[in-house]
């Protein structure tokens, strides 16, 4: 499965929107993406240290992951890509320059876009 940055952003926004610290985001709760795709991306976000959560391997089914909260780094990253206009410009920069959408490229492009908006 390939990494989908739009899915990742949707997951981060959904986790941030959880009502309280006792809630957690189920893989089935992200609109536009199936549970397997969301679980895969939650697992990557846990591995990257952007969210806290758990993954459970069923006896005969797929791995199911849920996320309980954003970490400090997760909040910092989401703050950089929260705005739809910034996010679309970040993706446009990567596409124009022929860059792959790595975590570092996204962070650098977001800082560049935000800096240009601030003047």
PDB file of N, CA and C in Angstrom:
ATOM      1  N   UNK A   1       0.856  -1.180   0.000  1.00  0.00           N
ATOM      2  CA  UNK A   1       0.000   0.000   0.000  1.00  0.00           C
ATOM      3  C   UNK A   1       0.900   1.240   0.000  1.00  0.00           C
ATOM      4  N   UNK A   2       0.506   2.249  -0.741  1.00  0.00           N
ATOM      5  CA  UNK A   2       1.275   3.482  -0.794  1.00  0.00           C
ATOM      6  C   UNK A   2       0.780   4.475   0.248  1.00  0.00           C
ATOM      7  N   UNK A   3       1.709   5.310   0.678  1.00  0.00           N
ATOM      8  CA  UNK A   3       1.368   6.363   1.627  1.00  0.00           C
ATOM      9  C   UNK A   3       0.512   7.408   0.914  1.00  0.00           C
ATOM     10  N   UNK A   4      -0.579   7.806   1.557  1.00  0.00           N
ATOM     11  CA  UNK A   4      -1.510   8.779   0.991  1.00  0.00           C
ATOM     12  C   UNK A   4      -1.558   9.978   1.942  1.00  0.00           C
ATOM     13  N   UNK A   5      -0.951  11.079   1.518  1.00  0.00           N
ATOM     14  CA  UNK A   5      -0.844  12.243   2.393  1.00  0.00           C
ATOM     15  C   UNK A   5      -2.188  12.913   2.658  1.00  0.00           C
ATOM     16  N   UNK A   6      -3.119  12.826   1.722  1.00  0.00           N
ATOM     17  CA  UNK A   6      -4.452  13.380   1.989  1.00  0.00           C
ATOM     18  C   UNK A   6      -5.146  12.573   3.084  1.00  0.00           C
ATOM     19  N   UNK A   7      -4.965  11.271   3.066  1.00  0.00           N
ATOM     20  CA  UNK A   7      -5.515  10.412   4.121  1.00  0.00           C
ATOM     21  C   UNK A   7      -4.858  10.737   5.459  1.00  0.00           C
ATOM     22  N   UNK A   8      -3.549  10.905   5.453  1.00  0.00           N
ATOM     23  CA  UNK A   8      -2.823  11.234   6.682  1.00  0.00           C
ATOM     24  C   UNK A   8      -3.341  12.543   7.267  1.00  0.00           C
ATOM     25  N   UNK A   9      -3.509  13.541   6.429  1.00  0.00           N
ATOM     26  CA  UNK A   9      -4.010  14.837   6.898  1.00  0.00           C
ATOM     27  C   UNK A   9      -5.425  14.684   7.461  1.00  0.00           C
ATOM     28  N   UNK A  10      -6.272  13.911   6.783  1.00  0.00           N
ATOM     29  CA  UNK A  10      -7.638  13.684   7.265  1.00  0.00           C
ATOM     30  C   UNK A  10      -7.631  12.992   8.628  1.00  0.00           C
ATOM     31  N   UNK A  11      -6.728  12.040   8.814  1.00  0.00           N
ATOM     32  CA  UNK A  11      -6.618  11.343  10.102  1.00  0.00           C
ATOM     33  C   UNK A  11      -6.193  12.316  11.193  1.00  0.00           C
ATOM     34  N   UNK A  12      -5.172  13.118  10.927  1.00  0.00           N
ATOM     35  CA  UNK A  12      -4.694  14.078  11.925  1.00  0.00           C
ATOM     36  C   UNK A  12      -5.795  15.060  12.310  1.00  0.00           C
ATOM     37  N   UNK A  13      -6.527  15.558  11.331  1.00  0.00           N
ATOM     38  CA  UNK A  13      -7.630  16.479  11.617  1.00  0.00           C
ATOM     39  C   UNK A  13      -8.726  15.793  12.432  1.00  0.00           C
ATOM     40  N   UNK A  14      -9.023  14.545  12.110  1.00  0.00           N
ATOM     41  CA  UNK A  14     -10.061  13.802  12.840  1.00  0.00           C
ATOM     42  C   UNK A  14      -9.640  13.542  14.285  1.00  0.00           C
ATOM     43  N   UNK A  15      -8.371  13.199  14.492  1.00  0.00           N
ATOM     44  CA  UNK A  15      -7.892  12.957  15.860  1.00  0.00           C
ATOM     45  C   UNK A  15      -7.972  14.244  16.667  1.00  0.00           C
ATOM     46  N   UNK A  16      -7.558  15.344  16.056  1.00  0.00           N
ATOM     47  CA  UNK A  16      -7.611  16.624  16.762  1.00  0.00           C
ATOM     48  C   UNK A  16      -9.047  16.971  17.154  1.00  0.00           C
ATOM     49  N   UNK A  17     -10.000  16.561  16.339  1.00  0.00           N
ATOM     50  CA  UNK A  17     -11.400  16.871  16.589  1.00  0.00           C
ATOM     51  C   UNK A  17     -12.088  15.968  17.600  1.00  0.00           C
ATOM     52  N   UNK A  18     -11.372  14.995  18.150  1.00  0.00           N
ATOM     53  CA  UNK A  18     -11.981  14.123  19.153  1.00  0.00           C
ATOM     54  C   UNK A  18     -12.445  14.952  20.341  1.00  0.00           C
ATOM     55  N   UNK A  19     -13.583  14.582  20.897  1.00  0.00           N
ATOM     56  CA  UNK A  19     -14.202  15.377  21.942  1.00  0.00           C
ATOM     57  C   UNK A  19     -13.457  15.468  23.252  1.00  0.00           C
ATOM     58  N   UNK A  20     -12.788  14.412  23.649  1.00  0.00           N
ATOM     59  CA  UNK A  20     -12.110  14.429  24.945  1.00  0.00           C
ATOM     60  C   UNK A  20     -10.961  13.430  24.939  1.00  0.00           C
ATOM     61  N   UNK A  21     -10.234  13.392  26.031  1.00  0.00           N
ATOM     62  CA  UNK A  21      -9.060  12.521  26.099  1.00  0.00           C
ATOM     63  C   UNK A  21      -9.423  11.050  26.271  1.00  0.00           C
ATOM     64  N   UNK A  22     -10.685  10.748  26.515  1.00  0.00           N
ATOM     65  CA  UNK A  22     -11.112   9.356  26.642  1.00  0.00           C
ATOM     66  C   UNK A  22     -11.529   8.765  25.295  1.00  0.00           C
ATOM     67  N   UNK A  23     -11.632   9.612  24.272  1.00  0.00           N
ATOM     68  CA  UNK A  23     -12.052   9.160  22.948  1.00  0.00           C
ATOM     69  C   UNK A  23     -10.873   8.626  22.160  1.00  0.00           C
ATOM     70  N   UNK A  24     -11.175   7.848  21.139  1.00  0.00           N
ATOM     71  CA  UNK A  24     -10.140   7.436  20.198  1.00  0.00           C
ATOM     72  C   UNK A  24     -10.759   7.326  18.809  1.00  0.00           C
ATOM     73  N   UNK A  25      -9.913   7.482  17.819  1.00  0.00           N
ATOM     74  CA  UNK A  25     -10.362   7.449  16.437  1.00  0.00           C
ATOM     75  C   UNK A  25     -10.300   6.025  15.923  1.00  0.00           C
ATOM     76  N   UNK A  26     -11.445   5.503  15.534  1.00  0.00           N
ATOM     77  CA  UNK A  26     -11.519   4.182  14.915  1.00  0.00           C
ATOM     78  C   UNK A  26     -11.185   4.308  13.439  1.00  0.00           C
ATOM     79  N   UNK A  27     -10.629   3.258  12.869  1.00  0.00           N
ATOM     80  CA  UNK A  27     -10.240   3.276  11.455  1.00  0.00           C
ATOM     81  C   UNK A  27     -11.433   3.501  10.534  1.00  0.00           C
ATOM     82  N   UNK A  28     -12.616   3.145  10.978  1.00  0.00           N
ATOM     83  CA  UNK A  28     -13.810   3.301  10.134  1.00  0.00           C
ATOM     84  C   UNK A  28     -14.387   4.711  10.180  1.00  0.00           C
ATOM     85  N   UNK A  29     -13.802   5.596  10.983  1.00  0.00           N
ATOM     86  CA  UNK A  29     -14.394   6.913  11.220  1.00  0.00           C
ATOM     87  C   UNK A  29     -13.858   8.025  10.324  1.00  0.00           C
ATOM     88  N   UNK A  30     -13.018   7.704   9.359  1.00  0.00           N
ATOM     89  CA  UNK A  30     -12.456   8.738   8.483  1.00  0.00           C
ATOM     90  C   UNK A  30     -13.156   8.655   7.128  1.00  0.00           C
ATOM     91  N   UNK A  31     -13.946   9.667   6.830  1.00  0.00           N
ATOM     92  CA  UNK A  31     -14.731   9.684   5.589  1.00  0.00           C
ATOM     93  C   UNK A  31     -13.833   9.635   4.359  1.00  0.00           C
ATOM     94  N   UNK A  32     -14.262   8.842   3.388  1.00  0.00           N
ATOM     95  CA  UNK A  32     -13.564   8.777   2.111  1.00  0.00           C
ATOM     96  C   UNK A  32     -12.480   7.722   2.025  1.00  0.00           C
ATOM     97  N   UNK A  33     -12.229   7.011   3.114  1.00  0.00           N
ATOM     98  CA  UNK A  33     -11.168   5.999   3.134  1.00  0.00           C
ATOM     99  C   UNK A  33     -11.676   4.742   3.830  1.00  0.00           C
ATOM    100  N   UNK A  34     -11.282   3.583   3.311  1.00  0.00           N
ATOM    101  CA  UNK A  34     -11.707   2.332   3.939  1.00  0.00           C
ATOM    102  C   UNK A  34     -10.875   2.066   5.195  1.00  0.00           C
ATOM    103  N   UNK A  35     -11.384   1.189   6.048  1.00  0.00           N
ATOM    104  CA  UNK A  35     -10.752   0.905   7.340  1.00  0.00           C
ATOM    105  C   UNK A  35      -9.331   0.387   7.205  1.00  0.00           C
ATOM    106  N   UNK A  36      -9.080  -0.443   6.203  1.00  0.00           N
ATOM    107  CA  UNK A  36      -7.735  -0.997   6.023  1.00  0.00           C
ATOM    108  C   UNK A  36      -6.731   0.109   5.690  1.00  0.00           C
ATOM    109  N   UNK A  37      -7.126   1.032   4.826  1.00  0.00           N
ATOM    110  CA  UNK A  37      -6.251   2.148   4.459  1.00  0.00           C
ATOM    111  C   UNK A  37      -5.987   3.041   5.662  1.00  0.00           C
ATOM    112  N   UNK A  38      -7.032   3.355   6.417  1.00  0.00           N
ATOM    113  CA  UNK A  38      -6.877   4.215   7.590  1.00  0.00           C
ATOM    114  C   UNK A  38      -6.013   3.529   8.639  1.00  0.00           C
ATOM    115  N   UNK A  39      -6.231   2.247   8.892  1.00  0.00           N
ATOM    116  CA  UNK A  39      -5.402   1.517   9.860  1.00  0.00           C
ATOM    117  C   UNK A  39      -3.934   1.542   9.459  1.00  0.00           C
ATOM    118  N   UNK A  40      -3.670   1.320   8.181  1.00  0.00           N
ATOM    119  CA  UNK A  40      -2.293   1.337   7.678  1.00  0.00           C
ATOM    120  C   UNK A  40      -1.638   2.694   7.958  1.00  0.00           C
ATOM    121  N   UNK A  41      -2.376   3.766   7.706  1.00  0.00           N
ATOM    122  CA  UNK A  41      -1.816   5.099   7.901  1.00  0.00           C
ATOM    123  C   UNK A  41      -1.722   5.472   9.380  1.00  0.00           C
ATOM    124  N   UNK A  42      -2.668   5.031  10.201  1.00  0.00           N
ATOM    125  CA  UNK A  42      -2.551   5.254  11.647  1.00  0.00           C
ATOM    126  C   UNK A  42      -1.303   4.552  12.165  1.00  0.00           C
ATOM    127  N   UNK A  43      -1.060   3.342  11.705  1.00  0.00           N
ATOM    128  CA  UNK A  43       0.137   2.612  12.138  1.00  0.00           C
ATOM    129  C   UNK A  43       1.401   3.407  11.782  1.00  0.00           C
ATOM    130  N   UNK A  44       1.459   3.960  10.574  1.00  0.00           N
ATOM    131  CA  UNK A  44       2.625   4.764  10.183  1.00  0.00           C
ATOM    132  C   UNK A  44       2.748   6.017  11.050  1.00  0.00           C
ATOM    133  N   UNK A  45       1.621   6.646  11.370  1.00  0.00           N
ATOM    134  CA  UNK A  45       1.659   7.837  12.216  1.00  0.00           C
ATOM    135  C   UNK A  45       2.131   7.508  13.628  1.00  0.00           C
ATOM    136  N   UNK A  46       1.757   6.341  14.139  1.00  0.00           N
ATOM    137  CA  UNK A  46       2.257   5.884  15.438  1.00  0.00           C
ATOM    138  C   UNK A  46       3.763   5.677  15.353  1.00  0.00           C
ATOM    139  N   UNK A  47       4.214   4.984  14.317  1.00  0.00           N
ATOM    140  CA  UNK A  47       5.646   4.721  14.131  1.00  0.00           C
ATOM    141  C   UNK A  47       6.451   6.015  14.005  1.00  0.00           C
ATOM    142  N   UNK A  48       5.856   7.039  13.379  1.00  0.00           N
ATOM    143  CA  UNK A  48       6.541   8.319  13.183  1.00  0.00           C
ATOM    144  C   UNK A  48       6.507   9.198  14.432  1.00  0.00           C
ATOM    145  N   UNK A  49       5.738   8.788  15.439  1.00  0.00           N
ATOM    146  CA  UNK A  49       5.653   9.569  16.663  1.00  0.00           C
ATOM    147  C   UNK A  49       4.716  10.765  16.574  1.00  0.00           C
ATOM    148  N   UNK A  50       3.836  10.782  15.575  1.00  0.00           N
ATOM    149  CA  UNK A  50       2.898  11.893  15.430  1.00  0.00           C
ATOM    150  C   UNK A  50       1.600  11.663  16.194  1.00  0.00           C
ATOM    151  N   UNK A  51       1.257  10.398  16.440  1.00  0.00           N
ATOM    152  CA  UNK A  51       0.054  10.076  17.208  1.00  0.00           C
ATOM    153  C   UNK A  51       0.359   8.943  18.181  1.00  0.00           C
ATOM    154  N   UNK A  52      -0.479   8.865  19.203  1.00  0.00           N
ATOM    155  CA  UNK A  52      -0.461   7.708  20.090  1.00  0.00           C
ATOM    156  C   UNK A  52      -1.668   6.858  19.746  1.00  0.00           C
ATOM    157  N   UNK A  53      -1.492   5.557  19.805  1.00  0.00           N
ATOM    158  CA  UNK A  53      -2.581   4.651  19.496  1.00  0.00           C
ATOM    159  C   UNK A  53      -2.137   3.217  19.639  1.00  0.00           C
ATOM    160  N   UNK A  54      -2.993   2.308  19.200  1.00  0.00           N
ATOM    161  CA  UNK A  54      -2.702   0.877  19.293  1.00  0.00           C
ATOM    162  C   UNK A  54      -3.146   0.186  18.018  1.00  0.00           C
ATOM    163  N   UNK A  55      -2.441  -0.880  17.700  1.00  0.00           N
ATOM    164  CA  UNK A  55      -2.803  -1.736  16.574  1.00  0.00           C
ATOM    165  C   UNK A  55      -2.969  -3.153  17.093  1.00  0.00           C
ATOM    166  N   UNK A  56      -4.005  -3.823  16.620  1.00  0.00           N
ATOM    167  CA  UNK A  56      -4.303  -5.186  17.058  1.00  0.00           C
ATOM    168  C   UNK A  56      -4.424  -6.072  15.829  1.00  0.00           C
ATOM    169  N   UNK A  57      -3.727  -7.191  15.860  1.00  0.00           N
ATOM    170  CA  UNK A  57      -3.809  -8.170  14.777  1.00  0.00           C
ATOM    171  C   UNK A  57      -4.846  -9.208  15.155  1.00  0.00           C
ATOM    172  N   UNK A  58      -5.902  -9.294  14.356  1.00  0.00           N
ATOM    173  CA  UNK A  58      -6.918 -10.304  14.593  1.00  0.00           C
ATOM    174  C   UNK A  58      -6.413 -11.678  14.189  1.00  0.00           C
ATOM    175  N   UNK A  59      -7.091 -12.716  14.624  1.00  0.00           N
ATOM    176  CA  UNK A  59      -6.682 -14.085  14.315  1.00  0.00           C
ATOM    177  C   UNK A  59      -6.682 -14.330  12.817  1.00  0.00           C
ATOM    178  N   UNK A  60      -7.721 -13.923  12.145  1.00  0.00           N
ATOM    179  CA  UNK A  60      -7.773 -14.181  10.706  1.00  0.00           C
ATOM    180  C   UNK A  60      -8.055 -12.924   9.891  1.00  0.00           C
ATOM    181  N   UNK A  61      -8.088 -11.786  10.548  1.00  0.00           N
ATOM    182  CA  UNK A  61      -8.425 -10.557   9.842  1.00  0.00           C
ATOM    183  C   UNK A  61      -7.250  -9.611   9.726  1.00  0.00           C
ATOM    184  N   UNK A  62      -7.517  -8.444   9.199  1.00  0.00           N
ATOM    185  CA  UNK A  62      -6.450  -7.454   9.032  1.00  0.00           C
ATOM    186  C   UNK A  62      -6.076  -6.800  10.361  1.00  0.00           C
ATOM    187  N   UNK A  63      -4.974  -6.093  10.358  1.00  0.00           N
ATOM    188  CA  UNK A  63      -4.574  -5.306  11.520  1.00  0.00           C
ATOM    189  C   UNK A  63      -5.552  -4.140  11.644  1.00  0.00           C
ATOM    190  N   UNK A  64      -6.054  -3.928  12.852  1.00  0.00           N
ATOM    191  CA  UNK A  64      -6.965  -2.822  13.119  1.00  0.00           C
ATOM    192  C   UNK A  64      -6.255  -1.856  14.065  1.00  0.00           C
ATOM    193  N   UNK A  65      -6.187  -0.595  13.663  1.00  0.00           N
ATOM    194  CA  UNK A  65      -5.514   0.419  14.481  1.00  0.00           C
ATOM    195  C   UNK A  65      -6.496   1.510  14.871  1.00  0.00           C
ATOM    196  N   UNK A  66      -6.264   2.084  16.031  1.00  0.00           N
ATOM    197  CA  UNK A  66      -6.998   3.274  16.442  1.00  0.00           C
ATOM    198  C   UNK A  66      -6.001   4.248  17.059  1.00  0.00           C
ATOM    199  N   UNK A  67      -6.346   5.506  17.020  1.00  0.00           N
ATOM    200  CA  UNK A  67      -5.468   6.548  17.550  1.00  0.00           C
ATOM    201  C   UNK A  67      -6.185   7.280  18.670  1.00  0.00           C
ATOM    202  N   UNK A  68      -5.439   7.597  19.725  1.00  0.00           N
ATOM    203  CA  UNK A  68      -6.057   8.237  20.879  1.00  0.00           C
ATOM    204  C   UNK A  68      -5.765   9.727  20.977  1.00  0.00           C
ATOM    205  N   UNK A  69      -4.601  10.153  20.462  1.00  0.00           N
ATOM    206  CA  UNK A  69      -4.295  11.584  20.544  1.00  0.00           C
ATOM    207  C   UNK A  69      -3.112  11.927  19.659  1.00  0.00           C
ATOM    208  N   UNK A  70      -2.992  13.221  19.347  1.00  0.00           N
ATOM    209  CA  UNK A  70      -1.812  13.722  18.657  1.00  0.00           C
ATOM    210  C   UNK A  70      -0.711  13.952  19.681  1.00  0.00           C
ATOM    211  N   UNK A  71       0.517  13.700  19.296  1.00  0.00           N
ATOM    212  CA  UNK A  71       1.654  14.069  20.131  1.00  0.00           C
ATOM    213  C   UNK A  71       1.970  15.541  19.873  1.00  0.00           C
ATOM    214  N   UNK A  72       2.939  16.076  20.611  1.00  0.00           N
ATOM    215  CA  UNK A  72       3.368  17.456  20.368  1.00  0.00           C
ATOM    216  C   UNK A  72       3.786  17.617  18.911  1.00  0.00           C
ATOM    217  N   UNK A  73       4.611  16.688  18.423  1.00  0.00           N
ATOM    218  CA  UNK A  73       5.086  16.744  17.036  1.00  0.00           C
ATOM    219  C   UNK A  73       3.919  16.626  16.052  1.00  0.00           C
ATOM    220  N   UNK A  74       2.920  15.823  16.400  1.00  0.00           N
ATOM    221  CA  UNK A  74       1.737  15.702  15.557  1.00  0.00           C
ATOM    222  C   UNK A  74       0.973  17.011  15.454  1.00  0.00           C
ATOM    223  N   UNK A  75       0.824  17.706  16.588  1.00  0.00           N
ATOM    224  CA  UNK A  75       0.175  19.019  16.574  1.00  0.00           C
ATOM    225  C   UNK A  75       0.983  20.014  15.746  1.00  0.00           C
ATOM    226  N   UNK A  76       2.299  20.008  15.935  1.00  0.00           N
ATOM    227  CA  UNK A  76       3.161  20.932  15.189  1.00  0.00           C
ATOM    228  C   UNK A  76       3.039  20.697  13.683  1.00  0.00           C
ATOM    229  N   UNK A  77       3.058  19.433  13.273  1.00  0.00           N
ATOM    230  CA  UNK A  77       2.952  19.114  11.851  1.00  0.00           C
ATOM    231  C   UNK A  77       1.584  19.514  11.309  1.00  0.00           C
ATOM    232  N   UNK A  78       0.521  19.166  12.031  1.00  0.00           N
ATOM    233  CA  UNK A  78      -0.824  19.514  11.579  1.00  0.00           C
ATOM    234  C   UNK A  78      -0.993  21.025  11.462  1.00  0.00           C
ATOM    235  N   UNK A  79      -0.432  21.771  12.401  1.00  0.00           N
ATOM    236  CA  UNK A  79      -0.542  23.226  12.328  1.00  0.00           C
ATOM    237  C   UNK A  79       0.065  23.774  11.039  1.00  0.00           C
ATOM    238  N   UNK A  80       1.091  23.116  10.525  1.00  0.00           N
ATOM    239  CA  UNK A  80       1.727  23.560   9.281  1.00  0.00           C
ATOM    240  C   UNK A  80       0.852  23.282   8.058  1.00  0.00           C
ATOM    241  N   UNK A  81       0.056  22.214   8.090  1.00  0.00           N
ATOM    242  CA  UNK A  81      -0.698  21.807   6.895  1.00  0.00           C
ATOM    243  C   UNK A  81      -2.215  21.901   7.077  1.00  0.00           C
ATOM    244  N   UNK A  82      -2.664  22.522   8.154  1.00  0.00           N
ATOM    245  CA  UNK A  82      -4.101  22.598   8.453  1.00  0.00           C
ATOM    246  C   UNK A  82      -4.890  23.362   7.383  1.00  0.00           C
ATOM    247  N   UNK A  83      -4.405  24.519   6.997  1.00  0.00           N
ATOM    248  CA  UNK A  83      -5.108  25.368   6.034  1.00  0.00           C
ATOM    249  C   UNK A  83      -5.200  24.679   4.681  1.00  0.00           C
ATOM    250  N   UNK A  84      -6.412  24.666   4.113  1.00  0.00           N
ATOM    251  CA  UNK A  84      -6.582  24.067   2.780  1.00  0.00           C
ATOM    252  C   UNK A  84      -5.719  24.763   1.743  1.00  0.00           C
ATOM    253  N   UNK A  85      -5.620  26.089   1.825  1.00  0.00           N
ATOM    254  CA  UNK A  85      -4.821  26.805   0.826  1.00  0.00           C
ATOM    255  C   UNK A  85      -3.341  26.469   0.969  1.00  0.00           C
ATOM    256  N   UNK A  86      -2.837  26.393   2.187  1.00  0.00           N
ATOM    257  CA  UNK A  86      -1.431  26.009   2.394  1.00  0.00           C
ATOM    258  C   UNK A  86      -1.215  24.581   1.909  1.00  0.00           C
ATOM    259  N   UNK A  87      -2.114  23.674   2.262  1.00  0.00           N
ATOM    260  CA  UNK A  87      -1.976  22.270   1.873  1.00  0.00           C
ATOM    261  C   UNK A  87      -1.947  22.118   0.354  1.00  0.00           C
ATOM    262  N   UNK A  88      -2.848  22.803  -0.324  1.00  0.00           N
ATOM    263  CA  UNK A  88      -2.880  22.713  -1.786  1.00  0.00           C
ATOM    264  C   UNK A  88      -1.627  23.308  -2.416  1.00  0.00           C
ATOM    265  N   UNK A  89      -1.106  24.387  -1.841  1.00  0.00           N
ATOM    266  CA  UNK A  89       0.138  24.977  -2.347  1.00  0.00           C
ATOM    267  C   UNK A  89       1.321  24.049  -2.103  1.00  0.00           C
ATOM    268  N   UNK A  90       1.364  23.401  -0.956  1.00  0.00           N
ATOM    269  CA  UNK A  90       2.441  22.443  -0.652  1.00  0.00           C
ATOM    270  C   UNK A  90       2.440  21.320  -1.683  1.00  0.00           C
ATOM    271  N   UNK A  91       1.268  20.764  -1.950  1.00  0.00           N
ATOM    272  CA  UNK A  91       1.186  19.691  -2.947  1.00  0.00           C
ATOM    273  C   UNK A  91       1.570  20.201  -4.330  1.00  0.00           C
ATOM    274  N   UNK A  92       1.178  21.434  -4.645  1.00  0.00           N
ATOM    275  CA  UNK A  92       1.522  22.021  -5.931  1.00  0.00           C
ATOM    276  C   UNK A  92       3.016  22.232  -6.093  1.00  0.00           C
ATOM    277  N   UNK A  93       3.676  22.694  -5.041  1.00  0.00           N
ATOM    278  CA  UNK A  93       5.131  22.894  -5.082  1.00  0.00           C
ATOM    279  C   UNK A  93       5.832  21.571  -5.337  1.00  0.00           C
ATOM    280  N   UNK A  94       5.452  20.546  -4.611  1.00  0.00           N
ATOM    281  CA  UNK A  94       6.084  19.228  -4.787  1.00  0.00           C
ATOM    282  C   UNK A  94       5.871  18.720  -6.207  1.00  0.00           C
ATOM    283  N   UNK A  95       4.674  18.896  -6.719  1.00  0.00           N
ATOM    284  CA  UNK A  95       4.354  18.440  -8.075  1.00  0.00           C
ATOM    285  C   UNK A  95       5.161  19.227  -9.115  1.00  0.00           C
ATOM    286  N   UNK A  96       5.194  20.564  -8.978  1.00  0.00           N
ATOM    287  CA  UNK A  96       5.934  21.422  -9.913  1.00  0.00           C
ATOM    288  C   UNK A  96       7.417  21.084  -9.958  1.00  0.00           C
ATOM    289  N   UNK A  97       7.982  20.829  -8.789  1.00  0.00           N
ATOM    290  CA  UNK A  97       9.423  20.575  -8.685  1.00  0.00           C
ATOM    291  C   UNK A  97       9.773  19.115  -8.936  1.00  0.00           C
ATOM    292  N   UNK A  98       8.764  18.276  -9.117  1.00  0.00           N
ATOM    293  CA  UNK A  98       9.010  16.858  -9.347  1.00  0.00           C
ATOM    294  C   UNK A  98       9.542  16.139  -8.123  1.00  0.00           C
ATOM    295  N   UNK A  99       9.148  16.619  -6.947  1.00  0.00           N
ATOM    296  CA  UNK A  99       9.625  16.033  -5.690  1.00  0.00           C
ATOM    297  C   UNK A  99       8.636  14.992  -5.178  1.00  0.00           C
ATOM    298  N   UNK A 100       9.163  13.964  -4.557  1.00  0.00           N
ATOM    299  CA  UNK A 100       8.272  13.013  -3.895  1.00  0.00           C
ATOM    300  C   UNK A 100       7.762  13.669  -2.613  1.00  0.00           C
ATOM    301  N   UNK A 101       6.606  13.242  -2.184  1.00  0.00           N
ATOM    302  CA  UNK A 101       5.983  13.826  -0.999  1.00  0.00           C
ATOM    303  C   UNK A 101       6.492  13.130   0.256  1.00  0.00           C
ATOM    304  N   UNK A 102       7.728  13.417   0.627  1.00  0.00           N
ATOM    305  CA  UNK A 102       8.262  12.871   1.872  1.00  0.00           C
ATOM    306  C   UNK A 102       7.863  13.799   3.019  1.00  0.00           C
ATOM    307  N   UNK A 103       7.985  13.301   4.221  1.00  0.00           N
ATOM    308  CA  UNK A 103       7.652  14.077   5.412  1.00  0.00           C
ATOM    309  C   UNK A 103       8.480  15.360   5.449  1.00  0.00           C
ATOM    310  N   UNK A 104       9.783  15.245   5.201  1.00  0.00           N
ATOM    311  CA  UNK A 104      10.656  16.416   5.242  1.00  0.00           C
ATOM    312  C   UNK A 104      10.319  17.420   4.146  1.00  0.00           C
ATOM    313  N   UNK A 105      10.016  16.944   2.945  1.00  0.00           N
ATOM    314  CA  UNK A 105       9.641  17.844   1.847  1.00  0.00           C
ATOM    315  C   UNK A 105       8.360  18.593   2.199  1.00  0.00           C
ATOM    316  N   UNK A 106       7.391  17.901   2.745  1.00  0.00           N
ATOM    317  CA  UNK A 106       6.125  18.548   3.112  1.00  0.00           C
ATOM    318  C   UNK A 106       6.356  19.610   4.177  1.00  0.00           C
ATOM    319  N   UNK A 107       7.137  19.283   5.206  1.00  0.00           N
ATOM    320  CA  UNK A 107       7.409  20.264   6.258  1.00  0.00           C
ATOM    321  C   UNK A 107       8.123  21.489   5.698  1.00  0.00           C
ATOM    322  N   UNK A 108       9.148  21.276   4.862  1.00  0.00           N
ATOM    323  CA  UNK A 108       9.901  22.396   4.294  1.00  0.00           C
ATOM    324  C   UNK A 108       9.026  23.241   3.371  1.00  0.00           C
ATOM    325  N   UNK A 109       8.230  22.589   2.539  1.00  0.00           N
ATOM    326  CA  UNK A 109       7.347  23.323   1.628  1.00  0.00           C
ATOM    327  C   UNK A 109       6.302  24.109   2.411  1.00  0.00           C
ATOM    328  N   UNK A 110       5.772  23.525   3.475  1.00  0.00           N
ATOM    329  CA  UNK A 110       4.774  24.218   4.295  1.00  0.00           C
ATOM    330  C   UNK A 110       5.378  25.459   4.944  1.00  0.00           C
ATOM    331  N   UNK A 111       6.587  25.334   5.468  1.00  0.00           N
ATOM    332  CA  UNK A 111       7.261  26.490   6.070  1.00  0.00           C
ATOM    333  C   UNK A 111       7.484  27.567   5.009  1.00  0.00           C
ATOM    334  N   UNK A 112       7.884  27.162   3.807  1.00  0.00           N
ATOM    335  CA  UNK A 112       8.096  28.112   2.707  1.00  0.00           C
ATOM    336  C   UNK A 112       6.788  28.832   2.358  1.00  0.00           C
ATOM    337  N   UNK A 113       5.714  28.085   2.227  1.00  0.00           N
ATOM    338  CA  UNK A 113       4.412  28.682   1.883  1.00  0.00           C
ATOM    339  C   UNK A 113       3.966  29.638   2.981  1.00  0.00           C
ATOM    340  N   UNK A 114       4.073  29.214   4.223  1.00  0.00           N
ATOM    341  CA  UNK A 114       3.650  30.058   5.348  1.00  0.00           C
ATOM    342  C   UNK A 114       4.500  31.320   5.415  1.00  0.00           C
ATOM    343  N   UNK A 115       5.811  31.181   5.215  1.00  0.00           N
ATOM    344  CA  UNK A 115       6.707  32.348   5.227  1.00  0.00           C
ATOM    345  C   UNK A 115       6.335  33.337   4.135  1.00  0.00           C
ATOM    346  N   UNK A 116       6.007  32.824   2.951  1.00  0.00           N
ATOM    347  CA  UNK A 116       5.639  33.725   1.850  1.00  0.00           C
ATOM    348  C   UNK A 116       4.310  34.424   2.136  1.00  0.00           C
ATOM    349  N   UNK A 117       3.408  33.767   2.836  1.00  0.00           N
ATOM    350  CA  UNK A 117       2.139  34.394   3.198  1.00  0.00           C
ATOM    351  C   UNK A 117       2.333  35.487   4.251  1.00  0.00           C
ATOM    352  N   UNK A 118       3.312  35.267   5.131  1.00  0.00           N
ATOM    353  CA  UNK A 118       3.585  36.247   6.182  1.00  0.00           C
ATOM    354  C   UNK A 118       4.352  37.455   5.658  1.00  0.00           C
ATOM    355  N   UNK A 119       4.986  37.275   4.493  1.00  0.00           N
ATOM    356  CA  UNK A 119       5.718  38.379   3.860  1.00  0.00           C
ATOM    357  C   UNK A 119       7.028  38.545   4.460  1.00  0.00           C
TER     358      UNK A 119
END
